[in-house]
N, C-alpha and C. Protein backbone atom coordinates (compact mmCIF):
# COMPACT_ATOMS: atom_id res chain seq x y z
N MET A 1 10.56 -10.39 20.97
CA MET A 1 11.17 -11.43 21.17
C MET A 1 10.84 -11.67 23.11
N THR A 2 10.83 -12.46 23.26
CA THR A 2 10.59 -13.10 24.17
C THR A 2 11.23 -13.44 25.56
N PHE A 3 11.51 -12.68 26.84
CA PHE A 3 12.14 -12.87 27.88
C PHE A 3 13.14 -14.25 27.54
N SER A 4 12.22 -15.06 27.56
CA SER A 4 13.20 -16.51 27.37
C SER A 4 14.13 -16.44 26.61
N GLN A 5 13.70 -15.90 25.23
CA GLN A 5 14.43 -15.88 23.79
C GLN A 5 15.26 -14.95 24.10
N LYS A 6 15.60 -13.77 24.90
CA LYS A 6 16.45 -12.90 25.33
C LYS A 6 17.49 -13.30 26.26
N LEU A 7 16.95 -13.98 27.19
CA LEU A 7 17.99 -14.66 28.18
C LEU A 7 18.57 -15.90 27.63
N LYS A 8 18.44 -16.44 26.70
CA LYS A 8 19.02 -17.18 25.53
C LYS A 8 20.20 -17.03 24.76
N TYR A 9 19.10 -15.74 24.62
CA TYR A 9 20.44 -15.39 23.47
C TYR A 9 21.85 -14.52 24.08
N ILE A 10 21.65 -13.59 25.37
CA ILE A 10 22.52 -12.45 25.73
C ILE A 10 23.27 -13.76 26.42
N LEU A 11 22.75 -15.16 27.41
CA LEU A 11 23.44 -15.69 27.92
C LEU A 11 24.97 -16.40 26.62
N SER A 12 24.32 -17.10 25.55
CA SER A 12 25.10 -17.78 24.86
C SER A 12 26.15 -16.46 24.22
N GLU A 13 25.40 -15.44 23.55
CA GLU A 13 26.50 -14.54 23.08
C GLU A 13 27.74 -14.55 24.41
N GLN A 14 27.38 -14.38 25.22
CA GLN A 14 28.38 -13.84 26.84
C GLN A 14 28.92 -15.07 27.73
N ASN A 15 28.65 -16.23 26.49
CA ASN A 15 29.46 -17.50 27.44
C ASN A 15 28.91 -18.05 28.62
N ILE A 16 27.85 -17.65 29.05
CA ILE A 16 27.58 -17.54 30.65
C ILE A 16 26.52 -18.86 30.92
N SER A 17 26.82 -19.96 31.46
CA SER A 17 26.25 -21.02 31.94
C SER A 17 25.29 -21.17 32.82
N GLN A 18 23.90 -21.61 32.92
CA GLN A 18 22.95 -21.60 33.87
C GLN A 18 23.47 -21.74 35.04
N SER A 19 24.51 -22.32 35.95
CA SER A 19 25.10 -22.67 36.82
C SER A 19 25.96 -21.03 37.23
N GLU A 20 26.57 -20.32 36.17
CA GLU A 20 27.35 -19.44 36.19
C GLU A 20 25.83 -18.26 36.51
N LEU A 21 25.26 -18.52 35.60
CA LEU A 21 23.93 -17.32 35.89
C LEU A 21 23.43 -17.40 37.69
N SER A 22 23.32 -18.68 38.28
CA SER A 22 22.30 -18.70 39.51
C SER A 22 23.81 -18.32 40.36
N ARG A 23 24.98 -18.84 40.52
CA ARG A 23 25.93 -18.17 41.08
C ARG A 23 25.80 -16.41 41.01
N LEU A 24 25.91 -15.62 40.07
CA LEU A 24 26.00 -14.54 40.07
C LEU A 24 24.57 -13.70 40.28
N THR A 25 23.58 -14.16 40.68
CA THR A 25 22.38 -13.89 40.34
C THR A 25 21.91 -14.34 41.81
N GLY A 26 22.04 -15.40 42.32
CA GLY A 26 21.65 -15.85 43.65
C GLY A 26 19.81 -17.08 43.36
N ILE A 27 20.09 -16.53 42.09
CA ILE A 27 18.63 -17.07 42.31
C ILE A 27 18.72 -18.72 41.34
N ASN A 28 17.83 -19.80 41.96
CA ASN A 28 18.31 -20.99 42.48
C ASN A 28 18.27 -21.98 40.53
N LYS A 29 18.95 -22.67 40.58
CA LYS A 29 19.09 -23.36 39.24
C LYS A 29 17.75 -23.71 38.24
N SER A 30 17.05 -24.50 39.29
CA SER A 30 15.75 -24.61 38.73
C SER A 30 14.79 -23.57 38.43
N SER A 31 14.90 -22.13 38.95
CA SER A 31 14.27 -21.21 38.20
C SER A 31 14.50 -20.74 37.08
N ILE A 32 16.20 -20.65 37.26
CA ILE A 32 16.62 -20.09 35.89
C ILE A 32 16.05 -21.48 35.03
N CYS A 33 16.04 -22.22 34.97
CA CYS A 33 15.67 -23.41 34.07
C CYS A 33 14.30 -23.32 32.84
N GLN A 34 13.44 -22.85 34.53
CA GLN A 34 11.82 -22.68 33.66
C GLN A 34 12.33 -21.44 32.90
N TYR A 35 12.55 -19.95 33.04
CA TYR A 35 13.13 -18.96 32.68
C TYR A 35 13.50 -19.22 31.10
N LEU A 36 14.14 -19.92 31.42
CA LEU A 36 14.66 -20.90 30.18
C LEU A 36 13.77 -21.18 29.25
N SER A 37 13.28 -21.96 30.07
CA SER A 37 12.29 -22.75 28.98
C SER A 37 10.77 -22.11 28.60
N GLY A 38 10.68 -20.65 29.40
CA GLY A 38 9.31 -20.11 29.06
C GLY A 38 8.35 -20.46 30.05
N LYS A 39 8.56 -21.34 30.98
CA LYS A 39 7.20 -21.53 31.84
C LYS A 39 7.52 -20.89 32.97
N ASN A 40 8.67 -20.23 33.10
CA ASN A 40 8.07 -18.94 33.70
C ASN A 40 8.78 -17.39 34.10
N ILE A 41 8.32 -16.55 34.19
CA ILE A 41 8.55 -15.15 33.63
C ILE A 41 8.92 -14.27 35.20
N PRO A 42 9.99 -14.50 35.23
CA PRO A 42 10.28 -13.38 36.54
C PRO A 42 9.67 -12.03 36.62
N SER A 43 9.87 -11.70 38.19
CA SER A 43 9.23 -10.36 38.38
C SER A 43 10.01 -9.46 37.43
N LYS A 44 9.37 -8.48 37.64
CA LYS A 44 10.60 -7.01 36.89
C LYS A 44 11.72 -6.61 37.63
N LYS A 45 11.67 -7.07 38.76
CA LYS A 45 13.10 -6.67 40.52
C LYS A 45 13.28 -7.72 39.65
N ARG A 46 13.10 -8.51 38.97
CA ARG A 46 13.86 -9.82 39.34
C ARG A 46 14.93 -10.07 37.89
N GLN A 47 14.24 -9.61 36.72
CA GLN A 47 14.88 -9.14 35.54
C GLN A 47 15.60 -8.43 35.93
N GLY A 48 15.53 -7.60 36.85
CA GLY A 48 16.83 -6.33 36.42
C GLY A 48 18.53 -6.59 37.13
N VAL A 49 17.99 -7.50 38.42
CA VAL A 49 18.85 -8.17 39.06
C VAL A 49 19.47 -9.15 38.26
N ILE A 50 19.04 -10.03 37.38
CA ILE A 50 19.49 -10.56 36.00
C ILE A 50 20.69 -10.32 34.78
N ALA A 51 19.56 -9.33 33.94
CA ALA A 51 20.40 -7.95 33.27
C ALA A 51 21.50 -7.05 34.06
N THR A 52 21.76 -6.88 34.92
CA THR A 52 22.60 -6.23 36.11
C THR A 52 23.92 -7.07 36.10
N ALA A 53 23.46 -8.28 36.49
CA ALA A 53 24.34 -9.63 36.81
C ALA A 53 25.30 -9.60 35.15
N ILE A 54 24.78 -9.62 34.06
CA ILE A 54 25.50 -9.85 33.25
C ILE A 54 25.65 -9.04 32.23
N GLY A 55 25.90 -7.78 32.94
CA GLY A 55 26.24 -6.82 32.14
C GLY A 55 25.53 -5.95 31.26
N MET A 56 24.35 -6.52 31.59
CA MET A 56 23.32 -5.71 30.50
C MET A 56 22.21 -4.47 31.52
N PRO A 57 21.88 -3.41 30.57
CA PRO A 57 21.25 -2.28 31.49
C PRO A 57 19.63 -3.01 31.80
N GLU A 58 19.73 -2.17 33.28
CA GLU A 58 18.57 -3.12 33.73
C GLU A 58 16.95 -3.13 33.44
N ASP A 59 16.88 -2.45 32.46
CA ASP A 59 15.52 -2.46 31.79
C ASP A 59 16.02 -3.22 29.82
N TYR A 60 16.90 -3.98 30.37
CA TYR A 60 17.30 -4.90 29.24
C TYR A 60 15.92 -5.81 28.59
N PHE A 61 15.50 -6.81 29.08
CA PHE A 61 14.55 -7.54 29.38
C PHE A 61 12.99 -6.70 28.88
N GLY A 62 12.57 -5.80 29.98
CA GLY A 62 11.26 -5.24 29.71
C GLY A 62 11.19 -4.25 28.44
N ASN A 63 12.59 -3.73 28.03
CA ASN A 63 11.98 -2.83 27.22
C ASN A 63 12.15 -3.32 25.50
N GLU A 64 10.88 -3.23 25.04
CA GLU A 64 10.41 -3.59 23.51
C GLU A 64 11.16 -3.40 22.49
N ASN A 65 11.82 -2.07 22.78
CA ASN A 65 12.76 -1.45 21.54
C ASN A 65 14.15 -1.95 21.55
N PHE A 66 14.35 -2.57 23.07
CA PHE A 66 15.62 -3.20 22.94
C PHE A 66 15.80 -4.09 21.79
N LYS A 67 16.87 -4.08 20.51
CA LYS A 67 17.03 -5.24 20.07
C LYS A 67 18.00 -5.63 19.80
N GLU A 68 18.25 -7.39 19.25
CA GLU A 68 19.65 -7.81 19.76
C GLU A 68 20.87 -7.04 19.49
N PRO A 69 21.87 -7.25 20.43
CA PRO A 69 23.11 -6.41 19.80
C PRO A 69 23.90 -6.99 18.37
N SER A 70 23.77 -6.20 17.48
CA SER A 70 24.84 -6.70 16.45
C SER A 70 26.30 -6.95 16.48
N ILE A 71 26.87 -6.41 17.80
CA ILE A 71 27.97 -6.83 17.83
C ILE A 71 27.68 -7.19 19.46
N PRO A 72 28.36 -8.91 19.74
CA PRO A 72 27.87 -9.49 21.07
C PRO A 72 28.68 -8.67 22.00
N TYR A 73 28.30 -8.11 23.33
CA TYR A 73 28.83 -7.62 24.53
C TYR A 73 29.65 -8.34 24.79
N PRO A 74 31.10 -8.21 25.80
CA PRO A 74 32.13 -8.85 25.31
C PRO A 74 31.74 -9.57 26.95
N LYS A 75 32.09 -10.42 27.43
CA LYS A 75 32.18 -10.97 28.87
C LYS A 75 33.45 -10.00 29.77
N ILE A 76 32.81 -9.62 31.01
CA ILE A 76 33.22 -8.91 32.20
C ILE A 76 34.08 -9.52 32.45
N PRO A 77 35.51 -9.20 32.07
CA PRO A 77 36.10 -9.88 33.42
C PRO A 77 36.20 -9.87 34.59
N ARG A 78 36.26 -10.65 35.34
CA ARG A 78 35.53 -10.28 37.03
C ARG A 78 36.84 -10.46 37.76
N LEU A 79 36.99 -10.34 39.19
CA LEU A 79 37.67 -10.86 40.15
C LEU A 79 37.45 -11.05 41.11
N THR A 80 37.26 -11.84 41.82
CA THR A 80 37.42 -12.93 43.26
C THR A 80 37.62 -11.88 44.64
N LEU A 81 36.65 -11.77 45.57
CA LEU A 81 36.59 -10.77 46.69
C LEU A 81 38.32 -11.68 47.42
N THR A 82 39.12 -12.83 47.31
CA THR A 82 39.91 -12.91 47.67
C THR A 82 41.01 -12.41 46.86
N GLU A 83 40.87 -12.35 45.40
CA GLU A 83 42.05 -11.67 44.61
C GLU A 83 42.12 -10.17 45.35
N THR A 84 40.49 -9.58 44.45
CA THR A 84 40.37 -8.05 45.08
C THR A 84 41.43 -7.27 46.71
N ALA A 85 40.76 -8.32 47.35
CA ALA A 85 41.20 -8.42 49.03
C ALA A 85 42.89 -8.00 49.11
N GLY A 86 43.82 -9.03 48.27
CA GLY A 86 45.88 -9.55 48.21
C GLY A 86 45.51 -8.47 47.42
N ILE A 87 45.11 -8.02 46.26
CA ILE A 87 45.50 -6.17 46.33
C ILE A 87 45.32 -5.33 46.72
N MET A 88 44.43 -5.28 47.35
CA MET A 88 44.40 -3.89 47.67
C MET A 88 44.76 -4.09 49.56
N GLY A 89 45.16 -5.12 49.92
CA GLY A 89 46.29 -5.32 51.13
C GLY A 89 44.80 -5.21 52.26
N VAL A 90 43.82 -5.93 52.27
CA VAL A 90 42.69 -5.53 53.07
C VAL A 90 41.95 -7.03 53.10
N SER A 91 41.65 -7.59 54.54
CA SER A 91 40.75 -8.18 54.39
C SER A 91 39.61 -8.36 53.94
N GLN A 92 39.24 -10.05 53.61
CA GLN A 92 37.87 -9.93 52.83
C GLN A 92 37.06 -9.46 53.28
N ARG A 93 36.77 -9.81 54.62
CA ARG A 93 35.50 -8.89 55.21
C ARG A 93 35.91 -7.53 55.61
N ALA A 94 36.78 -6.90 55.69
CA ALA A 94 36.53 -5.61 55.29
C ALA A 94 35.79 -5.17 53.59
N LEU A 95 36.62 -5.81 52.97
CA LEU A 95 36.39 -5.84 51.65
C LEU A 95 34.91 -5.79 51.07
N ALA A 96 34.70 -6.98 51.80
CA ALA A 96 33.02 -7.19 51.85
C ALA A 96 31.84 -6.60 52.10
N LEU A 97 32.29 -6.02 53.58
CA LEU A 97 31.43 -4.94 54.10
C LEU A 97 31.53 -3.42 53.08
N ALA A 98 32.70 -3.01 52.95
CA ALA A 98 32.42 -1.74 51.76
C ALA A 98 32.19 -2.50 50.71
N ILE A 99 31.71 -2.83 50.38
CA ILE A 99 31.09 -3.36 49.04
C ILE A 99 29.72 -3.27 49.17
N GLN A 100 29.56 -3.82 50.19
CA GLN A 100 27.94 -4.27 50.89
C GLN A 100 27.30 -2.70 51.06
N GLN A 101 28.17 -1.81 51.22
CA GLN A 101 27.53 -0.44 52.08
C GLN A 101 27.67 1.02 50.69
N GLY A 102 28.35 0.08 49.32
CA GLY A 102 28.28 0.55 48.28
C GLY A 102 29.60 1.85 47.93
N MET A 103 30.83 1.68 48.49
CA MET A 103 32.21 2.23 48.67
C MET A 103 32.38 2.68 47.20
N TYR A 104 32.42 1.41 46.73
CA TYR A 104 33.17 1.41 45.51
C TYR A 104 32.46 1.45 44.43
N SER A 105 32.53 2.21 43.37
CA SER A 105 32.00 1.65 42.10
C SER A 105 32.17 0.83 41.13
N TRP A 106 32.92 -0.23 41.43
CA TRP A 106 33.66 -1.32 40.34
C TRP A 106 33.35 -2.47 40.92
N ALA A 107 32.36 -2.51 42.36
CA ALA A 107 31.72 -3.65 42.88
C ALA A 107 30.49 -3.78 43.25
N GLN A 108 29.62 -4.69 43.14
CA GLN A 108 28.58 -4.56 43.78
C GLN A 108 28.24 -6.40 44.59
N ALA A 109 27.53 -5.83 45.63
CA ALA A 109 27.18 -7.22 46.34
C ALA A 109 25.71 -7.14 46.05
N LEU A 110 25.55 -8.58 45.50
CA LEU A 110 24.22 -8.75 44.88
C LEU A 110 23.70 -10.05 45.83
N PRO A 111 22.48 -10.31 45.83
CA PRO A 111 21.43 -11.20 46.65
C PRO A 111 21.74 -12.29 46.47
N GLY A 112 22.41 -13.29 47.28
CA GLY A 112 23.03 -14.64 47.24
C GLY A 112 21.46 -15.50 47.53
N ARG A 113 22.05 -16.54 46.97
CA ARG A 113 20.78 -17.35 47.85
C ARG A 113 20.50 -17.30 49.38
N ASN A 114 18.96 -17.75 48.77
CA ASN A 114 18.04 -17.33 50.22
C ASN A 114 18.79 -15.82 50.90
N LYS A 115 18.96 -15.13 50.33
CA LYS A 115 19.56 -13.97 50.71
C LYS A 115 20.57 -13.99 52.04
N LYS A 116 21.43 -14.90 52.25
CA LYS A 116 22.17 -15.48 53.17
C LYS A 116 23.47 -14.83 53.06
N ARG A 117 23.99 -15.06 52.04
CA ARG A 117 25.62 -14.54 51.85
C ARG A 117 25.03 -13.80 50.32
N PRO A 118 25.86 -12.80 50.37
CA PRO A 118 25.63 -11.89 49.25
C PRO A 118 27.21 -12.46 48.02
N ILE A 119 26.49 -12.20 46.95
CA ILE A 119 27.92 -12.72 45.85
C ILE A 119 28.12 -11.11 45.49
N TYR A 120 29.30 -11.49 45.09
CA TYR A 120 30.25 -10.23 44.83
C TYR A 120 30.71 -10.15 43.49
N PHE A 121 30.36 -9.38 42.89
CA PHE A 121 30.35 -8.43 41.59
C PHE A 121 31.69 -7.67 41.32
N ILE A 122 33.01 -8.25 40.88
CA ILE A 122 34.03 -6.86 41.09
C ILE A 122 34.68 -6.94 39.54
N ASN A 123 34.10 -5.79 38.81
CA ASN A 123 34.63 -5.17 37.52
C ASN A 123 35.94 -5.36 37.16
N ALA A 124 36.92 -6.42 36.76
CA ALA A 124 38.06 -5.87 36.89
C ALA A 124 38.88 -4.96 36.01
N ILE A 125 37.69 -4.33 34.88
CA ILE A 125 38.75 -3.38 33.98
C ILE A 125 38.28 -1.90 34.92
N THR A 126 37.21 -1.82 35.76
CA THR A 126 36.47 -0.98 36.55
C THR A 126 37.77 -0.86 37.91
N PHE A 127 38.26 -1.75 38.23
CA PHE A 127 39.05 -1.90 39.29
C PHE A 127 40.02 -1.31 39.38
N ALA A 128 40.74 -1.94 38.04
CA ALA A 128 41.86 -1.66 37.82
C ALA A 128 42.13 -0.50 37.60
N LYS A 129 41.34 0.54 36.77
CA LYS A 129 41.72 2.12 36.12
C LYS A 129 41.55 2.56 37.84
N ALA A 130 40.39 2.74 38.85
CA ALA A 130 40.04 3.08 39.89
C ALA A 130 41.33 3.05 41.29
N GLN A 131 42.43 1.94 40.31
CA GLN A 131 43.14 1.74 41.72
C GLN A 131 44.70 2.60 40.94
N GLY A 132 44.84 1.91 39.58
CA GLY A 132 45.68 2.67 39.19
C GLY A 132 46.67 1.68 38.88
N ILE A 133 46.29 0.54 38.52
CA ILE A 133 47.21 -0.57 38.52
C ILE A 133 46.90 -1.53 36.95
N ASP A 134 48.17 -2.27 36.38
CA ASP A 134 47.87 -2.54 35.40
C ASP A 134 47.84 -3.93 35.92
N LEU A 135 46.45 -5.07 35.75
CA LEU A 135 46.58 -6.48 36.28
C LEU A 135 47.46 -7.27 35.85
N GLU A 136 47.84 -7.20 34.73
CA GLU A 136 48.24 -7.97 33.70
C GLU A 136 49.90 -8.26 34.24
N GLU A 137 50.50 -6.85 34.38
CA GLU A 137 51.42 -6.72 35.20
C GLU A 137 51.88 -7.21 36.71
N TYR A 138 50.16 -6.99 37.12
CA TYR A 138 50.43 -7.68 38.64
C TYR A 138 50.28 -9.12 38.87
N LYS A 139 49.74 -9.73 38.33
CA LYS A 139 49.40 -10.97 38.16
C LYS A 139 50.90 -11.66 37.42
N LYS A 140 51.64 -10.96 36.57
CA LYS A 140 52.98 -11.52 36.48
C LYS A 140 53.48 -11.25 37.40
N CYS A 141 53.73 -10.82 38.08
CA CYS A 141 54.36 -10.51 39.61
C CYS A 141 54.16 -11.45 40.47
N THR A 142 53.23 -11.65 40.96
CA THR A 142 52.74 -12.21 41.64
C THR A 142 53.03 -14.47 41.46
N CYS A 143 52.57 -14.01 40.00
CA CYS A 143 53.56 -15.72 39.54
C CYS A 143 55.05 -15.81 39.24
N GLU A 144 55.32 -14.63 38.95
CA GLU A 144 56.99 -15.23 39.60
C GLU A 144 57.01 -14.99 40.45
N ALA A 145 56.83 -14.53 41.51
CA ALA A 145 57.42 -14.24 43.27
C ALA A 145 56.83 -16.42 43.77
N ALA A 146 55.79 -16.53 42.82
CA ALA A 146 55.45 -17.94 43.40
C ALA A 146 56.29 -19.20 42.95
N THR A 147 56.95 -18.59 41.74
CA THR A 147 57.94 -19.95 41.04
C THR A 147 59.10 -19.84 42.11
N PRO A 148 59.35 -21.18 42.20
CA PRO A 148 60.52 -21.64 43.24
C PRO A 148 61.90 -21.51 41.90
N THR A 149 62.98 -20.91 42.75
CA THR A 149 64.41 -20.49 41.85
C THR A 149 64.77 -21.33 42.41
N GLY A 150 66.13 -21.23 41.45
CA GLY A 150 67.53 -22.02 41.83
C GLY A 150 67.18 -23.74 42.24
N ALA A 151 66.38 -24.33 41.02
CA ALA A 151 65.66 -25.79 40.73
C ALA A 151 66.67 -26.02 39.88
């Protein structure tokens, strides 16, 4: 399979759009479009960034023995920086700096567009396990607190 074919396949299986891939990786949409059309092939380093951003092994695109998964990989549930900071009771800036320094195994700071501002990937499942919380229960509590009473 070519890089283009593998990328199309995994984006389709994980229901990730070109725009979302651009946001996750910091790679502009026109480059992603060229990768998908087969006009250009990204560097090995960039292939690793793309693979990691979509939850695949870093060598997914370069590994010739890597076959199409017989069971589609589920889309990894993510949290925003704002949600995570709120749950942890810390500022977004403090959390962002800690993620950039690699202090948490459940989060990554990926290079953003033009490397000006990182994009944060926070794995909701790994975060919940590390923090010992049930995210569904947490979301239910915050929704109930936001619902007006006595109407």
